[in-house]
Amino acid sequence: MKKQTIDKTIRSTFAALLLTAGVSANASTTWDFVSMANSGEYGISTLSLLGDGFSVDITGTKNGNAAYAYLDRGHGGLGVCGTLTGTQQCSPGSDDNITTGEILKMTFNKAVTIDKIWFNNNHDGDGSLSGNKVKIGGTDYALFLATGVPSFNDDWTPNVSFNVAAGGSLLFSLASTNFDQFYISGMTVTAVPEPETYAMMLAGLGLLGAVVRRRKQKPDA
């Protein structure tokens, strides 16, 4: 094989590897539910959102019955509503967060890591979640005041991450030891690279190694 042909093959292989690496290294996606709600308050049976390399369907239940995912404006955020008016507004207006008997469910089509979640209680109660807990995925988590993230500096976070399998769900509800209602202010999510992507990268590296070895074995023509 001529040197020019080998060099072209190597360049093509490197380009393929870079493309594969780009597919595997998805950027984090941050959803600001407070800003979403301020842009348009409404409830919907399934709130579907697209992230970088994944999607999520958000639904709600109230006392075991199907309910609505709800975006409430005025530094509210994402909650649950049992009944909507004809204009997709919650009725009564006080039932638009996550409170007793309500569960918010997020179902992801791909494996993801939820890097950060923020909560608030700005519309009702004492306006704070200090000393409170939230049940996430069946476990009660203590909340801490968020720092270092301007959009969510007045909100609260459990300071832990969560892994969700492809097709899996994460549930949010009141903690067993806490009956304060709350909204989800925002969250940051990253798609987990799929095993097929790693296999493609290994195959590409193997091809590159074979080309380099062949180049060393043959003199230039």
Protein backbone atom coordinates (compact mmCIF):
# COMPACT_ATOMS: atom_id res chain seq x y z
CA MET A 1 0.00 0.00 0.00
CA LYS A 2 1.33 3.41 -0.86
CA LYS A 3 2.27 5.80 1.93
CA GLN A 4 -0.30 8.37 0.76
CA THR A 5 -3.06 5.75 0.87
CA ILE A 6 -2.03 4.62 4.36
CA ASP A 7 -1.93 8.20 5.62
CA LYS A 8 -5.40 8.80 4.20
CA THR A 9 -6.68 5.66 5.93
CA ILE A 10 -5.17 6.76 9.24
CA ARG A 11 -6.75 10.22 8.94
CA SER A 12 -10.12 8.66 8.13
CA THR A 13 -9.85 6.32 11.11
CA PHE A 14 -8.97 9.18 13.46
CA ALA A 15 -11.95 11.16 12.17
CA ALA A 16 -14.26 8.19 12.83
CA LEU A 17 -12.87 7.83 16.36
CA LEU A 18 -13.39 11.50 17.10
CA LEU A 19 -16.97 11.27 15.84
CA THR A 20 -17.61 8.22 18.01
CA ALA A 21 -16.11 9.96 21.03
CA GLY A 22 -18.39 12.92 20.40
CA VAL A 23 -21.43 10.63 20.43
CA SER A 24 -20.38 9.06 23.72
CA ALA A 25 -19.52 12.28 25.54
CA ASN A 26 -22.95 13.86 25.85
CA ALA A 27 -23.06 17.23 27.56
CA SER A 28 -25.13 17.74 30.68
CA THR A 29 -28.65 19.12 30.24
CA THR A 30 -30.06 21.53 32.84
CA TRP A 31 -33.80 22.17 32.99
CA ASP A 32 -34.93 25.29 34.84
CA PHE A 33 -38.56 24.47 35.63
CA VAL A 34 -39.09 27.85 37.30
CA SER A 35 -38.23 29.66 34.05
CA MET A 36 -40.33 27.20 32.04
CA ALA A 37 -43.33 27.91 34.25
CA ASN A 38 -42.83 31.68 34.06
CA SER A 39 -42.87 31.38 30.26
CA GLY A 40 -46.23 29.65 30.34
CA GLU A 41 -48.11 28.06 33.28
CA TYR A 42 -50.02 24.88 32.43
CA GLY A 43 -50.72 21.24 33.29
CA ILE A 44 -50.35 18.23 30.99
CA SER A 45 -50.88 14.49 31.38
CA THR A 46 -47.35 13.78 30.08
CA LEU A 47 -44.67 16.47 29.96
CA SER A 48 -42.04 15.25 27.47
CA LEU A 49 -38.63 16.91 27.37
CA LEU A 50 -35.54 16.33 25.22
CA GLY A 51 -32.03 16.32 26.66
CA ASP A 52 -28.61 15.80 25.10
CA GLY A 53 -28.81 12.14 24.02
CA PHE A 54 -31.98 11.22 25.94
CA SER A 55 -35.61 12.14 26.60
CA VAL A 56 -37.87 12.04 29.65
CA ASP A 57 -41.63 11.68 30.15
CA ILE A 58 -42.96 13.33 33.31
CA THR A 59 -46.33 12.24 34.76
CA GLY A 60 -48.18 12.59 38.03
CA THR A 61 -50.57 10.69 40.28
CA LYS A 62 -52.81 11.87 43.10
CA ASN A 63 -54.09 9.38 45.67
CA GLY A 64 -53.28 6.56 43.26
CA ASN A 65 -55.16 8.10 40.31
CA ALA A 66 -53.71 9.62 37.15
CA ALA A 67 -53.00 13.34 37.56
CA TYR A 68 -51.08 16.04 35.68
CA ALA A 69 -47.50 17.28 35.64
CA TYR A 70 -47.84 21.01 36.34
CA LEU A 71 -45.61 24.05 35.71
CA ASP A 72 -46.53 26.83 38.16
CA ARG A 73 -45.26 30.37 37.58
CA GLY A 74 -43.94 32.89 40.11
CA HIS A 75 -40.90 30.93 41.36
CA GLY A 76 -42.95 27.79 41.64
CA GLY A 77 -41.70 25.17 39.20
CA LEU A 78 -42.68 21.57 38.51
CA GLY A 79 -45.40 19.92 40.57
CA VAL A 80 -48.55 17.80 40.35
CA CYS A 81 -52.18 18.83 39.84
CA GLY A 82 -55.19 16.57 40.26
CA THR A 83 -57.73 18.56 38.21
CA LEU A 84 -57.35 21.07 35.36
CA THR A 85 -59.69 23.72 34.03
CA GLY A 86 -60.43 23.98 30.32
CA THR A 87 -57.43 26.30 29.96
CA GLN A 88 -55.00 23.79 31.55
CA GLN A 89 -54.90 25.71 34.85
CA CYS A 90 -54.92 23.86 38.16
CA SER A 91 -58.16 23.74 40.14
CA PRO A 92 -57.92 24.58 42.96
CA GLY A 93 -54.91 26.84 42.42
CA SER A 94 -53.29 25.64 45.66
CA ASP A 95 -52.98 22.07 44.30
CA ASP A 96 -50.11 22.76 41.89
CA ASN A 97 -47.06 21.54 43.80
CA ILE A 98 -46.26 18.09 45.26
CA THR A 99 -48.22 17.50 48.45
CA THR A 100 -49.89 14.70 50.42
CA GLY A 101 -50.90 11.74 48.24
CA GLU A 102 -49.13 13.08 45.12
CA ILE A 103 -46.25 11.50 43.21
CA LEU A 104 -44.27 12.96 40.32
CA LYS A 105 -42.74 10.31 38.04
CA MET A 106 -39.87 10.81 35.56
CA THR A 107 -39.25 8.03 33.02
CA PHE A 108 -36.07 8.17 30.91
CA ASN A 109 -35.63 6.43 27.54
CA LYS A 110 -31.85 6.09 28.04
CA ALA A 111 -29.64 5.44 31.05
CA VAL A 112 -28.86 8.75 32.77
CA THR A 113 -27.21 10.24 35.83
CA ILE A 114 -29.20 12.98 37.53
CA ASP A 115 -26.28 15.08 38.70
CA LYS A 116 -28.25 17.65 40.68
CA ILE A 117 -31.84 18.40 41.74
CA TRP A 118 -33.16 21.62 43.30
CA PHE A 119 -36.42 22.12 45.21
CA ASN A 120 -38.35 25.07 46.64
CA ASN A 121 -41.40 25.82 48.77
CA ASN A 122 -41.84 29.46 47.83
CA HIS A 123 -45.60 29.61 47.25
CA ASP A 124 -47.01 27.93 50.33
CA GLY A 125 -46.04 27.13 53.90
CA ASP A 126 -43.09 29.01 55.35
CA GLY A 127 -41.33 29.46 51.99
CA SER A 128 -38.37 27.36 53.12
CA LEU A 129 -37.37 23.69 53.09
CA SER A 130 -34.86 24.11 55.93
CA GLY A 131 -34.79 20.94 58.02
CA ASN A 132 -37.15 19.15 55.63
CA LYS A 133 -36.75 15.97 53.59
CA VAL A 134 -38.00 14.80 50.20
CA LYS A 135 -38.63 11.20 49.18
CA ILE A 136 -36.72 10.39 45.97
CA GLY A 137 -36.84 6.88 44.54
CA GLY A 138 -38.34 5.55 47.77
CA THR A 139 -35.69 7.04 50.10
CA ASP A 140 -35.96 10.13 52.29
CA TYR A 141 -33.23 12.73 51.68
CA ALA A 142 -32.35 15.75 53.81
CA LEU A 143 -32.14 19.06 51.92
CA PHE A 144 -29.46 21.74 52.04
CA LEU A 145 -29.46 25.34 50.83
CA ALA A 146 -28.00 25.51 47.32
CA THR A 147 -24.88 27.60 46.73
CA GLY A 148 -22.80 28.48 43.69
CA VAL A 149 -25.62 28.17 41.13
CA PRO A 150 -27.19 31.62 40.58
CA SER A 151 -30.46 30.27 39.12
CA PHE A 152 -31.09 28.10 42.19
CA ASN A 153 -29.29 29.91 45.03
CA ASP A 154 -32.50 30.31 47.04
CA ASP A 155 -33.48 26.68 46.59
CA TRP A 156 -32.68 23.38 48.28
CA THR A 157 -30.83 20.24 47.17
CA PRO A 158 -30.10 16.77 48.61
CA ASN A 159 -26.48 17.09 47.36
CA VAL A 160 -26.51 13.55 45.90
CA SER A 161 -26.74 12.15 42.37
CA PHE A 162 -29.08 9.44 41.06
CA ASN A 163 -28.60 6.79 38.36
CA VAL A 164 -31.62 5.73 36.31
CA ALA A 165 -31.51 2.79 33.88
CA ALA A 166 -32.83 3.02 30.32
CA GLY A 167 -36.62 2.84 30.50
CA GLY A 168 -36.44 3.32 34.27
CA SER A 169 -38.21 5.88 36.44
CA LEU A 170 -37.51 8.12 39.42
CA LEU A 171 -40.35 9.06 41.78
CA PHE A 172 -40.70 12.22 43.89
CA SER A 173 -43.09 12.55 46.84
CA LEU A 174 -43.32 13.83 50.42
CA ALA A 175 -40.88 12.25 52.82
CA SER A 176 -42.39 10.03 55.50
CA THR A 177 -41.15 12.41 58.22
CA ASN A 178 -42.06 15.66 56.46
CA PHE A 179 -45.38 16.98 55.23
CA ASP A 180 -44.25 20.26 53.67
CA GLN A 181 -45.26 20.57 50.04
CA PHE A 182 -42.63 21.43 47.43
CA TYR A 183 -41.81 22.12 43.79
CA ILE A 184 -38.90 20.85 41.72
CA SER A 185 -37.03 24.00 40.68
CA GLY A 186 -34.60 22.38 38.24
CA MET A 187 -32.27 19.50 37.55
CA THR A 188 -29.08 18.63 35.67
CA VAL A 189 -28.99 15.31 33.79
CA THR A 190 -26.28 13.53 31.79
CA ALA A 191 -26.82 10.56 29.47
CA VAL A 192 -24.68 7.50 30.27
CA PRO A 193 -22.74 6.20 27.22
CA GLU A 194 -24.20 2.94 25.96
CA PRO A 195 -22.09 -0.27 25.80
CA GLU A 196 -22.41 -0.27 22.00
CA THR A 197 -20.57 3.04 21.88
CA TYR A 198 -17.63 1.64 23.81
CA ALA A 199 -17.55 -1.38 21.46
CA MET A 200 -17.39 0.95 18.46
CA MET A 201 -14.51 2.88 19.99
CA LEU A 202 -12.56 -0.31 20.74
CA ALA A 203 -13.14 -1.59 17.21
CA GLY A 204 -11.91 1.72 15.80
CA LEU A 205 -8.79 1.60 17.95
CA GLY A 206 -8.12 -1.96 16.80
CA LEU A 207 -8.40 -0.91 13.15
CA LEU A 208 -6.06 2.01 13.74
CA GLY A 209 -3.50 -0.29 15.37
CA ALA A 210 -3.68 -2.73 12.47
CA VAL A 211 -3.10 0.06 9.93
CA VAL A 212 -0.09 1.37 11.86
CA ARG A 213 1.45 -2.11 12.15
CA ARG A 214 0.97 -2.75 8.45
CA ARG A 215 2.58 0.55 7.63
CA LYS A 216 5.66 -0.37 9.68
CA GLN A 217 5.96 -3.80 8.03
CA LYS A 218 5.85 -2.59 4.43
CA PRO A 219 8.38 -0.28 2.79
CA ASP A 220 7.11 2.84 1.07
CA ALA A 221 6.37 2.26 -2.64
